[in-house]
Amino acid sequence: MLRILSHVSIVLLVLSCIVTAKDDFMIQCHRGAGNLSAENSMEAFEIAWNLGTIPEADIRVTKDGVIVSFHDSNFARIFPDASDDVKKKGIADLTIDEVKRLDIGAWKGSDHVGQRVATLKEIVDVLREHPKRQMYIDIKKVDFEQLAKETEGVRPQLILASTDYEEIKRWKKLAPDSKTLHWMGGTEQKLTERLEKLEAVGFAGIDQLQIHVNIGKDGSFSPTDAFLRQTAATLRKHGVLFQTLPWRGTEPSVYRRLLELGCESFATDYPEATVKAVREFYSETKNEAAR
């Protein structure tokens, strides 16, 4: 914990030099600030919250029915030195006691040794203690009735994220007090088709919509600027927050362009760079307006 606080203190010291012009801007930390600590760990979530962002937890269920936060379907990436048999297994193959013995930080380096898989209960306990904090929960595989029951009292702090619209509708029926994010990637044609279907039903049940943006070597966006601008206008008309995830986006110019195209929120693997870029943009905008 001391390592985390030290890291966050340095980051916040840097950011404190920037005038905050829009404090309510929502930034989702992909995999819970997973680039700054062991992804989906409580340590990573704390970093994200202390940066003023909202962490994302990818949720799955253990063999004995405990909801935990873990992204991958197997252990191959997180445990590169494990046996082939272990690499093929996943959260659903282990009990919670076995899962809690896993060191999910060692592969990130010596600073993260000893970090453990976070349970939904641990997340909920923190949300109850800090009612202003929020959490994105990305559905991997979980029973929605169990999820709704175990998050009672903190559901207004949750933003359920799914690429499956049927899952979003089902969650909204069980937890109307919770927010939702519908995320999607793919070709511009496929995105257009999906958005047209959603607009036909008024984006019912969707509070936020996220589109993945790829950045070419020449700086071009895919989908295109024109597509993103039109999507922003459409979502604004329906009262849906427009979020983008710029893959490998660290340059301030990337965020500036997306903001100018109408983006209202970001998901990011680089929360420090994103927070800094957004604050600088709104600070400059405020100064220009005052002239």
C-alpha atoms as a PDB file:
ATOM      1  CA  MET A   1       0.000   0.000   0.000  1.00  0.00           C
ATOM      2  CA  LEU A   2       2.850   2.411   0.687  1.00  0.00           C
ATOM      3  CA  ARG A   3       4.138   1.834  -2.855  1.00  0.00           C
ATOM      4  CA  ILE A   4       0.706   2.699  -4.236  1.00  0.00           C
ATOM      5  CA  LEU A   5       0.303   5.846  -2.207  1.00  0.00           C
ATOM      6  CA  SER A   6       3.800   6.967  -3.165  1.00  0.00           C
ATOM      7  CA  HIS A   7       3.076   6.466  -6.858  1.00  0.00           C
ATOM      8  CA  VAL A   8      -0.298   8.216  -6.655  1.00  0.00           C
ATOM      9  CA  SER A   9       1.157  11.115  -4.678  1.00  0.00           C
ATOM     10  CA  ILE A  10       3.702  11.768  -7.419  1.00  0.00           C
ATOM     11  CA  VAL A  11       1.021  11.648 -10.101  1.00  0.00           C
ATOM     12  CA  LEU A  12      -1.317  13.962  -8.211  1.00  0.00           C
ATOM     13  CA  LEU A  13       1.496  16.410  -7.555  1.00  0.00           C
ATOM     14  CA  VAL A  14       2.076  16.684 -11.291  1.00  0.00           C
ATOM     15  CA  LEU A  15      -1.614  17.031 -12.061  1.00  0.00           C
ATOM     16  CA  SER A  16      -2.157  19.648  -9.361  1.00  0.00           C
ATOM     17  CA  CYS A  17      -0.188  22.089 -11.492  1.00  0.00           C
ATOM     18  CA  ILE A  18      -2.935  21.954 -14.135  1.00  0.00           C
ATOM     19  CA  VAL A  19      -6.107  23.998 -13.701  1.00  0.00           C
ATOM     20  CA  THR A  20      -9.144  21.706 -13.620  1.00  0.00           C
ATOM     21  CA  ALA A  21     -11.849  23.208 -15.801  1.00  0.00           C
ATOM     22  CA  LYS A  22     -14.238  20.255 -15.915  1.00  0.00           C
ATOM     23  CA  ASP A  23     -14.267  18.135 -12.766  1.00  0.00           C
ATOM     24  CA  ASP A  24     -17.180  15.928 -13.848  1.00  0.00           C
ATOM     25  CA  PHE A  25     -15.487  14.570 -16.974  1.00  0.00           C
ATOM     26  CA  MET A  26     -15.684  10.768 -16.804  1.00  0.00           C
ATOM     27  CA  ILE A  27     -12.549   8.747 -17.529  1.00  0.00           C
ATOM     28  CA  GLN A  28     -12.752   4.962 -17.359  1.00  0.00           C
ATOM     29  CA  CYS A  29      -9.550   3.202 -16.374  1.00  0.00           C
ATOM     30  CA  HIS A  30      -9.469   0.144 -18.608  1.00  0.00           C
ATOM     31  CA  ARG A  31      -8.916  -3.006 -16.524  1.00  0.00           C
ATOM     32  CA  GLY A  32      -8.776  -0.774 -13.462  1.00  0.00           C
ATOM     33  CA  ALA A  33      -5.580   1.217 -14.150  1.00  0.00           C
ATOM     34  CA  GLY A  34      -3.984  -2.062 -15.162  1.00  0.00           C
ATOM     35  CA  ASN A  35      -0.939  -0.370 -16.677  1.00  0.00           C
ATOM     36  CA  LEU A  36      -0.033   1.124 -13.304  1.00  0.00           C
ATOM     37  CA  SER A  37      -0.492  -1.962 -11.152  1.00  0.00           C
ATOM     38  CA  ALA A  38      -1.710  -5.550 -11.421  1.00  0.00           C
ATOM     39  CA  GLU A  39      -4.828  -5.233 -13.565  1.00  0.00           C
ATOM     40  CA  ASN A  40      -8.179  -5.793 -11.837  1.00  0.00           C
ATOM     41  CA  SER A  41      -6.559  -5.686  -8.387  1.00  0.00           C
ATOM     42  CA  MET A  42      -7.719  -3.561  -5.447  1.00  0.00           C
ATOM     43  CA  GLU A  43      -4.352  -1.766  -5.638  1.00  0.00           C
ATOM     44  CA  ALA A  44      -5.070  -0.786  -9.256  1.00  0.00           C
ATOM     45  CA  PHE A  45      -8.606   0.335  -8.402  1.00  0.00           C
ATOM     46  CA  GLU A  46      -7.276   2.595  -5.639  1.00  0.00           C
ATOM     47  CA  ILE A  47      -4.836   4.201  -8.073  1.00  0.00           C
ATOM     48  CA  ALA A  48      -7.681   4.868 -10.504  1.00  0.00           C
ATOM     49  CA  TRP A  49      -9.919   6.407  -7.850  1.00  0.00           C
ATOM     50  CA  ASN A  50      -7.117   8.563  -6.507  1.00  0.00           C
ATOM     51  CA  LEU A  51      -6.488   9.900 -10.018  1.00  0.00           C
ATOM     52  CA  GLY A  52     -10.099  11.058 -10.121  1.00  0.00           C
ATOM     53  CA  THR A  53     -11.081   8.381 -12.642  1.00  0.00           C
ATOM     54  CA  ILE A  54     -13.425   5.379 -12.587  1.00  0.00           C
ATOM     55  CA  PRO A  55     -11.847   1.913 -12.614  1.00  0.00           C
ATOM     56  CA  GLU A  56     -13.206  -0.990 -14.620  1.00  0.00           C
ATOM     57  CA  ALA A  57     -13.552  -4.458 -13.108  1.00  0.00           C
ATOM     58  CA  ASP A  58     -13.952  -7.463 -15.410  1.00  0.00           C
ATOM     59  CA  ILE A  59     -16.118  -9.929 -13.541  1.00  0.00           C
ATOM     60  CA  ARG A  60     -16.258 -13.704 -13.550  1.00  0.00           C
ATOM     61  CA  VAL A  61     -17.388 -16.419 -11.128  1.00  0.00           C
ATOM     62  CA  THR A  62     -15.238 -19.005  -9.343  1.00  0.00           C
ATOM     63  CA  LYS A  63     -15.965 -22.734  -9.280  1.00  0.00           C
ATOM     64  CA  ASP A  64     -17.756 -22.308  -5.938  1.00  0.00           C
ATOM     65  CA  GLY A  65     -19.844 -19.308  -7.027  1.00  0.00           C
ATOM     66  CA  VAL A  66     -17.878 -16.268  -5.819  1.00  0.00           C
ATOM     67  CA  ILE A  67     -17.849 -13.230  -8.121  1.00  0.00           C
ATOM     68  CA  VAL A  68     -14.332 -11.890  -8.676  1.00  0.00           C
ATOM     69  CA  SER A  69     -12.520  -9.448 -10.949  1.00  0.00           C
ATOM     70  CA  PHE A  70     -10.334 -11.037 -13.636  1.00  0.00           C
ATOM     71  CA  HIS A  71     -10.132 -10.240 -17.339  1.00  0.00           C
ATOM     72  CA  ASP A  72      -8.810 -13.278 -19.214  1.00  0.00           C
ATOM     73  CA  SER A  73     -10.639 -16.536 -19.829  1.00  0.00           C
ATOM     74  CA  ASN A  74      -7.480 -18.466 -18.865  1.00  0.00           C
ATOM     75  CA  PHE A  75      -4.218 -17.949 -16.965  1.00  0.00           C
ATOM     76  CA  ALA A  76      -1.745 -18.088 -19.883  1.00  0.00           C
ATOM     77  CA  ARG A  77      -0.936 -14.360 -20.015  1.00  0.00           C
ATOM     78  CA  ILE A  78      -0.925 -13.603 -16.294  1.00  0.00           C
ATOM     79  CA  PHE A  79       1.128 -16.685 -15.380  1.00  0.00           C
ATOM     80  CA  PRO A  80       3.608 -17.089 -18.272  1.00  0.00           C
ATOM     81  CA  ASP A  81       5.872 -19.439 -16.289  1.00  0.00           C
ATOM     82  CA  ALA A  82       3.099 -21.804 -15.210  1.00  0.00           C
ATOM     83  CA  SER A  83       2.678 -25.311 -16.590  1.00  0.00           C
ATOM     84  CA  ASP A  84       0.630 -25.790 -19.745  1.00  0.00           C
ATOM     85  CA  ASP A  85      -2.068 -27.459 -17.668  1.00  0.00           C
ATOM     86  CA  VAL A  86      -2.411 -24.403 -15.399  1.00  0.00           C
ATOM     87  CA  LYS A  87      -2.341 -21.983 -18.328  1.00  0.00           C
ATOM     88  CA  LYS A  88      -5.378 -23.679 -19.835  1.00  0.00           C
ATOM     89  CA  LYS A  89      -7.418 -23.193 -16.670  1.00  0.00           C
ATOM     90  CA  GLY A  90      -9.425 -20.129 -15.741  1.00  0.00           C
ATOM     91  CA  ILE A  91     -11.313 -18.583 -12.828  1.00  0.00           C
ATOM     92  CA  ALA A  92     -14.252 -20.978 -13.292  1.00  0.00           C
ATOM     93  CA  ASP A  93     -11.954 -23.951 -12.663  1.00  0.00           C
ATOM     94  CA  LEU A  94     -10.810 -22.832  -9.196  1.00  0.00           C
ATOM     95  CA  THR A  95     -12.447 -22.268  -5.813  1.00  0.00           C
ATOM     96  CA  ILE A  96     -12.201 -18.855  -4.179  1.00  0.00           C
ATOM     97  CA  ASP A  97      -9.557 -20.169  -1.777  1.00  0.00           C
ATOM     98  CA  GLU A  98      -7.456 -21.312  -4.730  1.00  0.00           C
ATOM     99  CA  VAL A  99      -8.022 -18.039  -6.588  1.00  0.00           C
ATOM    100  CA  LYS A 100      -6.959 -16.004  -3.565  1.00  0.00           C
ATOM    101  CA  ARG A 101      -3.636 -17.830  -3.478  1.00  0.00           C
ATOM    102  CA  LEU A 102      -2.798 -16.643  -6.991  1.00  0.00           C
ATOM    103  CA  ASP A 103      -0.163 -13.914  -7.227  1.00  0.00           C
ATOM    104  CA  ILE A 104      -1.471 -11.763 -10.091  1.00  0.00           C
ATOM    105  CA  GLY A 105       1.197  -9.083  -9.675  1.00  0.00           C
ATOM    106  CA  ALA A 106       4.461 -11.011 -10.032  1.00  0.00           C
ATOM    107  CA  TRP A 107       4.386 -10.995 -13.842  1.00  0.00           C
ATOM    108  CA  LYS A 108       4.247  -7.165 -13.754  1.00  0.00           C
ATOM    109  CA  GLY A 109       7.496  -6.913 -11.798  1.00  0.00           C
ATOM    110  CA  SER A 110       8.895  -6.991  -8.285  1.00  0.00           C
ATOM    111  CA  ASP A 111       6.935  -3.902  -7.200  1.00  0.00           C
ATOM    112  CA  HIS A 112       3.675  -5.806  -7.642  1.00  0.00           C
ATOM    113  CA  VAL A 113       4.498  -9.162  -6.088  1.00  0.00           C
ATOM    114  CA  GLY A 114       1.801 -10.380  -3.725  1.00  0.00           C
ATOM    115  CA  GLN A 115      -1.198  -8.651  -5.295  1.00  0.00           C
ATOM    116  CA  ARG A 116      -4.339 -10.760  -5.352  1.00  0.00           C
ATOM    117  CA  VAL A 117      -7.553 -11.197  -7.306  1.00  0.00           C
ATOM    118  CA  ALA A 118     -10.239  -8.820  -6.028  1.00  0.00           C
ATOM    119  CA  THR A 119     -13.658 -10.141  -5.045  1.00  0.00           C
ATOM    120  CA  LEU A 120     -16.924  -8.345  -5.725  1.00  0.00           C
ATOM    121  CA  LYS A 121     -17.462  -8.140  -1.958  1.00  0.00           C
ATOM    122  CA  GLU A 122     -14.180  -6.243  -1.532  1.00  0.00           C
ATOM    123  CA  ILE A 123     -15.224  -3.819  -4.261  1.00  0.00           C
ATOM    124  CA  VAL A 124     -18.697  -3.333  -2.777  1.00  0.00           C
ATOM    125  CA  ASP A 125     -17.246  -2.722   0.698  1.00  0.00           C
ATOM    126  CA  VAL A 126     -15.099   0.119  -0.683  1.00  0.00           C
ATOM    127  CA  LEU A 127     -18.044   1.623  -2.589  1.00  0.00           C
ATOM    128  CA  ARG A 128     -20.167   1.580   0.568  1.00  0.00           C
ATOM    129  CA  GLU A 129     -17.382   3.336   2.461  1.00  0.00           C
ATOM    130  CA  HIS A 130     -16.936   5.909  -0.331  1.00  0.00           C
ATOM    131  CA  PRO A 131     -20.380   6.718  -1.786  1.00  0.00           C
ATOM    132  CA  LYS A 132     -18.962   9.209  -4.313  1.00  0.00           C
ATOM    133  CA  ARG A 133     -16.795   6.578  -5.981  1.00  0.00           C
ATOM    134  CA  GLN A 134     -18.031   4.738  -9.056  1.00  0.00           C
ATOM    135  CA  MET A 135     -17.066   1.481 -10.752  1.00  0.00           C
ATOM    136  CA  TYR A 136     -17.464   0.118 -14.255  1.00  0.00           C
ATOM    137  CA  ILE A 137     -18.212  -3.609 -14.228  1.00  0.00           C
ATOM    138  CA  ASP A 138     -17.508  -5.319 -17.528  1.00  0.00           C
ATOM    139  CA  ILE A 139     -19.481  -8.513 -17.925  1.00  0.00           C
ATOM    140  CA  LYS A 140     -17.399 -11.553 -18.789  1.00  0.00           C
ATOM    141  CA  LYS A 141     -19.468 -14.357 -17.276  1.00  0.00           C
ATOM    142  CA  VAL A 142     -21.734 -13.879 -14.273  1.00  0.00           C
ATOM    143  CA  ASP A 143     -25.278 -14.567 -13.050  1.00  0.00           C
ATOM    144  CA  PHE A 144     -27.163 -11.264 -13.164  1.00  0.00           C
ATOM    145  CA  GLU A 145     -29.541 -12.078 -10.309  1.00  0.00           C
ATOM    146  CA  GLN A 146     -26.590 -12.886  -8.058  1.00  0.00           C
ATOM    147  CA  LEU A 147     -24.833  -9.708  -9.196  1.00  0.00           C
ATOM    148  CA  ALA A 148     -27.891  -7.567  -8.473  1.00  0.00           C
ATOM    149  CA  LYS A 149     -28.360  -9.118  -5.027  1.00  0.00           C
ATOM    150  CA  GLU A 150     -24.720  -8.734  -4.000  1.00  0.00           C
ATOM    151  CA  THR A 151     -24.521  -5.093  -5.138  1.00  0.00           C
ATOM    152  CA  GLU A 152     -27.700  -3.942  -3.418  1.00  0.00           C
ATOM    153  CA  GLY A 153     -27.148  -0.509  -1.904  1.00  0.00           C
ATOM    154  CA  VAL A 154     -24.297   0.469  -4.237  1.00  0.00           C
ATOM    155  CA  ARG A 155     -25.949  -0.115  -7.615  1.00  0.00           C
ATOM    156  CA  PRO A 156     -26.268   3.646  -8.319  1.00  0.00           C
ATOM    157  CA  GLN A 157     -22.436   3.729  -8.172  1.00  0.00           C
ATOM    158  CA  LEU A 158     -22.125   0.988 -10.790  1.00  0.00           C
ATOM    159  CA  ILE A 159     -21.917   1.306 -14.558  1.00  0.00           C
ATOM    160  CA  LEU A 160     -22.464  -2.098 -16.133  1.00  0.00           C
ATOM    161  CA  ALA A 161     -20.503  -2.447 -19.379  1.00  0.00           C
ATOM    162  CA  SER A 162     -21.317  -4.966 -22.073  1.00  0.00           C
ATOM    163  CA  THR A 163     -21.044  -5.359 -25.829  1.00  0.00           C
ATOM    164  CA  ASP A 164     -24.282  -7.381 -25.740  1.00  0.00           C
ATOM    165  CA  TYR A 165     -27.396  -5.184 -25.846  1.00  0.00           C
ATOM    166  CA  GLU A 166     -29.577  -8.003 -24.525  1.00  0.00           C
ATOM    167  CA  GLU A 167     -27.411  -8.163 -21.399  1.00  0.00           C
ATOM    168  CA  ILE A 168     -27.848  -4.431 -20.877  1.00  0.00           C
ATOM    169  CA  LYS A 169     -31.633  -4.678 -21.154  1.00  0.00           C
ATOM    170  CA  ARG A 170     -31.708  -7.624 -18.761  1.00  0.00           C
ATOM    171  CA  TRP A 171     -29.561  -5.776 -16.208  1.00  0.00           C
ATOM    172  CA  LYS A 172     -31.728  -2.647 -16.414  1.00  0.00           C
ATOM    173  CA  LYS A 173     -34.793  -4.703 -15.508  1.00  0.00           C
ATOM    174  CA  LEU A 174     -33.033  -6.148 -12.466  1.00  0.00           C
ATOM    175  CA  ALA A 175     -31.212  -2.959 -11.457  1.00  0.00           C
ATOM    176  CA  PRO A 176     -32.931   0.145 -12.866  1.00  0.00           C
ATOM    177  CA  ASP A 177     -30.955   2.252 -10.382  1.00  0.00           C
ATOM    178  CA  SER A 178     -27.672   1.293 -12.068  1.00  0.00           C
ATOM    179  CA  LYS A 179     -26.088   2.966 -15.110  1.00  0.00           C
ATOM    180  CA  THR A 180     -25.018   1.115 -18.256  1.00  0.00           C
ATOM    181  CA  LEU A 181     -22.359   1.401 -20.948  1.00  0.00           C
ATOM    182  CA  HIS A 182     -22.682  -0.311 -24.319  1.00  0.00           C
ATOM    183  CA  TRP A 183     -19.242  -0.729 -25.890  1.00  0.00           C
ATOM    184  CA  MET A 184     -18.403  -1.728 -29.417  1.00  0.00           C
ATOM    185  CA  GLY A 185     -15.617  -2.021 -31.955  1.00  0.00           C
ATOM    186  CA  GLY A 186     -15.398  -3.135 -35.561  1.00  0.00           C
ATOM    187  CA  THR A 187     -15.604  -1.650 -39.011  1.00  0.00           C
ATOM    188  CA  GLU A 188     -17.411   1.591 -39.655  1.00  0.00           C
ATOM    189  CA  GLN A 189     -20.053  -0.286 -41.638  1.00  0.00           C
ATOM    190  CA  LYS A 190     -20.735  -2.708 -38.789  1.00  0.00           C
ATOM    191  CA  LEU A 191     -20.824   0.118 -36.273  1.00  0.00           C
ATOM    192  CA  THR A 192     -23.279   2.048 -38.438  1.00  0.00           C
ATOM    193  CA  GLU A 193     -25.592  -0.955 -38.649  1.00  0.00           C
ATOM    194  CA  ARG A 194     -25.516  -1.465 -34.896  1.00  0.00           C
ATOM    195  CA  LEU A 195     -26.100   2.200 -34.142  1.00  0.00           C
ATOM    196  CA  GLU A 196     -29.047   2.379 -36.537  1.00  0.00           C
ATOM    197  CA  LYS A 197     -30.712  -0.542 -34.747  1.00  0.00           C
ATOM    198  CA  LEU A 198     -30.140   1.106 -31.374  1.00  0.00           C
ATOM    199  CA  GLU A 199     -31.446   4.465 -32.559  1.00  0.00           C
ATOM    200  CA  ALA A 200     -34.605   2.761 -33.813  1.00  0.00           C
ATOM    201  CA  VAL A 201     -35.402   1.862 -30.175  1.00  0.00           C
ATOM    202  CA  GLY A 202     -34.195   5.213 -28.817  1.00  0.00           C
ATOM    203  CA  PHE A 203     -31.090   3.682 -27.192  1.00  0.00           C
ATOM    204  CA  ALA A 204     -33.415   2.354 -24.491  1.00  0.00           C
ATOM    205  CA  GLY A 205     -31.551   1.279 -21.349  1.00  0.00           C
ATOM    206  CA  ILE A 206     -28.218   2.717 -22.514  1.00  0.00           C
ATOM    207  CA  ASP A 207     -26.690   5.565 -20.493  1.00  0.00           C
ATOM    208  CA  GLN A 208     -23.253   5.575 -22.136  1.00  0.00           C
ATOM    209  CA  LEU A 209     -21.920   4.251 -25.433  1.00  0.00           C
ATOM    210  CA  GLN A 210     -18.265   3.534 -26.113  1.00  0.00           C
ATOM    211  CA  ILE A 211     -16.608   3.163 -29.510  1.00  0.00           C
ATOM    212  CA  HIS A 212     -13.077   1.851 -29.992  1.00  0.00           C
ATOM    213  CA  VAL A 213     -10.906   4.186 -32.059  1.00  0.00           C
ATOM    214  CA  ASN A 214      -7.795   2.920 -33.827  1.00  0.00           C
ATOM    215  CA  ILE A 215      -5.056   5.417 -34.643  1.00  0.00           C
ATOM    216  CA  GLY A 216      -3.112   4.954 -37.883  1.00  0.00           C
ATOM    217  CA  LYS A 217       0.588   5.659 -38.309  1.00  0.00           C
ATOM    218  CA  ASP A 218      -0.398   8.826 -40.174  1.00  0.00           C
ATOM    219  CA  GLY A 219      -2.597   9.917 -37.260  1.00  0.00           C
ATOM    220  CA  SER A 220      -5.877   9.058 -38.978  1.00  0.00           C
ATOM    221  CA  PHE A 221      -8.791   7.714 -36.970  1.00  0.00           C
ATOM    222  CA  SER A 222     -10.747   4.540 -37.690  1.00  0.00           C
ATOM    223  CA  PRO A 223     -13.688   5.001 -37.644  1.00  0.00           C
ATOM    224  CA  THR A 224     -13.310   8.339 -39.423  1.00  0.00           C
ATOM    225  CA  ASP A 225     -13.653  11.834 -38.041  1.00  0.00           C
ATOM    226  CA  ALA A 226     -16.918  12.294 -39.930  1.00  0.00           C
ATOM    227  CA  PHE A 227     -18.381   9.114 -38.444  1.00  0.00           C
ATOM    228  CA  LEU A 228     -17.371  10.089 -34.913  1.00  0.00           C
ATOM    229  CA  ARG A 229     -18.790  13.608 -35.305  1.00  0.00           C
ATOM    230  CA  GLN A 230     -22.124  12.251 -36.536  1.00  0.00           C
ATOM    231  CA  THR A 231     -22.248   9.632 -33.784  1.00  0.00           C
ATOM    232  CA  ALA A 232     -21.614  12.305 -31.162  1.00  0.00           C
ATOM    233  CA  ALA A 233     -24.521  14.368 -32.510  1.00  0.00           C
ATOM    234  CA  THR A 234     -26.845  11.355 -32.564  1.00  0.00           C
ATOM    235  CA  LEU A 235     -26.008  10.273 -29.023  1.00  0.00           C
ATOM    236  CA  ARG A 236     -26.306  13.802 -27.698  1.00  0.00           C
ATOM    237  CA  LYS A 237     -29.811  13.998 -29.176  1.00  0.00           C
ATOM    238  CA  HIS A 238     -30.788  10.893 -27.214  1.00  0.00           C
ATOM    239  CA  GLY A 239     -29.053  11.926 -23.979  1.00  0.00           C
ATOM    240  CA  VAL A 240     -26.430   9.169 -24.178  1.00  0.00           C
ATOM    241  CA  LEU A 241     -22.877   9.939 -23.035  1.00  0.00           C
ATOM    242  CA  PHE A 242     -20.390   9.381 -25.871  1.00  0.00           C
ATOM    243  CA  GLN A 243     -17.209   7.643 -24.749  1.00  0.00           C
ATOM    244  CA  THR A 244     -14.287   6.569 -26.917  1.00  0.00           C
ATOM    245  CA  LEU A 245     -11.388   4.226 -26.238  1.00  0.00           C
ATOM    246  CA  PRO A 246      -8.413   5.421 -28.324  1.00  0.00           C
ATOM    247  CA  TRP A 247      -6.130   2.389 -28.548  1.00  0.00           C
ATOM    248  CA  ARG A 248      -2.543   3.252 -27.632  1.00  0.00           C
ATOM    249  CA  GLY A 249      -3.599   6.867 -27.289  1.00  0.00           C
ATOM    250  CA  THR A 250      -1.108   8.851 -25.240  1.00  0.00           C
ATOM    251  CA  GLU A 251      -0.638  12.040 -27.256  1.00  0.00           C
ATOM    252  CA  PRO A 252      -2.616  15.126 -26.130  1.00  0.00           C
ATOM    253  CA  SER A 253      -3.454  15.827 -29.781  1.00  0.00           C
ATOM    254  CA  VAL A 254      -5.436  12.561 -29.960  1.00  0.00           C
ATOM    255  CA  TYR A 255      -7.662  13.539 -27.057  1.00  0.00           C
ATOM    256  CA  ARG A 256      -8.023  17.107 -28.311  1.00  0.00           C
ATOM    257  CA  ARG A 257      -9.250  15.902 -31.711  1.00  0.00           C
ATOM    258  CA  LEU A 258     -11.709  13.493 -30.134  1.00  0.00           C
ATOM    259  CA  LEU A 259     -13.043  16.194 -27.829  1.00  0.00           C
ATOM    260  CA  GLU A 260     -13.439  18.573 -30.749  1.00  0.00           C
ATOM    261  CA  LEU A 261     -15.343  15.848 -32.614  1.00  0.00           C
ATOM    262  CA  GLY A 262     -17.832  15.661 -29.745  1.00  0.00           C
ATOM    263  CA  CYS A 263     -16.450  12.945 -27.497  1.00  0.00           C
ATOM    264  CA  GLU A 264     -17.668  13.463 -23.915  1.00  0.00           C
ATOM    265  CA  SER A 265     -15.755  10.734 -22.064  1.00  0.00           C
ATOM    266  CA  PHE A 266     -12.745   8.452 -22.463  1.00  0.00           C
ATOM    267  CA  ALA A 267     -11.740   4.919 -21.604  1.00  0.00           C
ATOM    268  CA  THR A 268      -7.992   4.538 -21.392  1.00  0.00           C
ATOM    269  CA  ASP A 269      -5.031   2.308 -20.631  1.00  0.00           C
ATOM    270  CA  TYR A 270      -3.008   5.456 -19.844  1.00  0.00           C
ATOM    271  CA  PRO A 271      -4.972   7.349 -17.180  1.00  0.00           C
ATOM    272  CA  GLU A 272      -2.157   9.768 -16.307  1.00  0.00           C
ATOM    273  CA  ALA A 273      -1.845  10.951 -19.913  1.00  0.00           C
ATOM    274  CA  THR A 274      -5.616  11.079 -20.378  1.00  0.00           C
ATOM    275  CA  VAL A 275      -6.324  13.066 -17.224  1.00  0.00           C
ATOM    276  CA  LYS A 276      -3.573  15.537 -18.094  1.00  0.00           C
ATOM    277  CA  ALA A 277      -4.802  15.986 -21.688  1.00  0.00           C
ATOM    278  CA  VAL A 278      -8.428  16.518 -20.677  1.00  0.00           C
ATOM    279  CA  ARG A 279      -7.573  19.037 -17.975  1.00  0.00           C
ATOM    280  CA  GLU A 280      -5.312  20.968 -20.308  1.00  0.00           C
ATOM    281  CA  PHE A 281      -7.991  21.015 -23.020  1.00  0.00           C
ATOM    282  CA  TYR A 282     -10.710  22.395 -20.765  1.00  0.00           C
ATOM    283  CA  SER A 283      -8.320  24.833 -19.121  1.00  0.00           C
ATOM    284  CA  GLU A 284      -7.331  26.207 -22.534  1.00  0.00           C
ATOM    285  CA  THR A 285     -10.973  26.302 -23.650  1.00  0.00           C
ATOM    286  CA  LYS A 286     -11.920  28.232 -20.541  1.00  0.00           C
ATOM    287  CA  ASN A 287      -9.076  30.717 -21.062  1.00  0.00           C
ATOM    288  CA  GLU A 288     -10.021  31.231 -24.711  1.00  0.00           C
ATOM    289  CA  ALA A 289     -13.644  31.871 -23.766  1.00  0.00           C
ATOM    290  CA  ALA A 290     -12.564  34.480 -21.223  1.00  0.00           C
ATOM    291  CA  ARG A 291     -10.625  36.517 -23.789  1.00  0.00           C
END
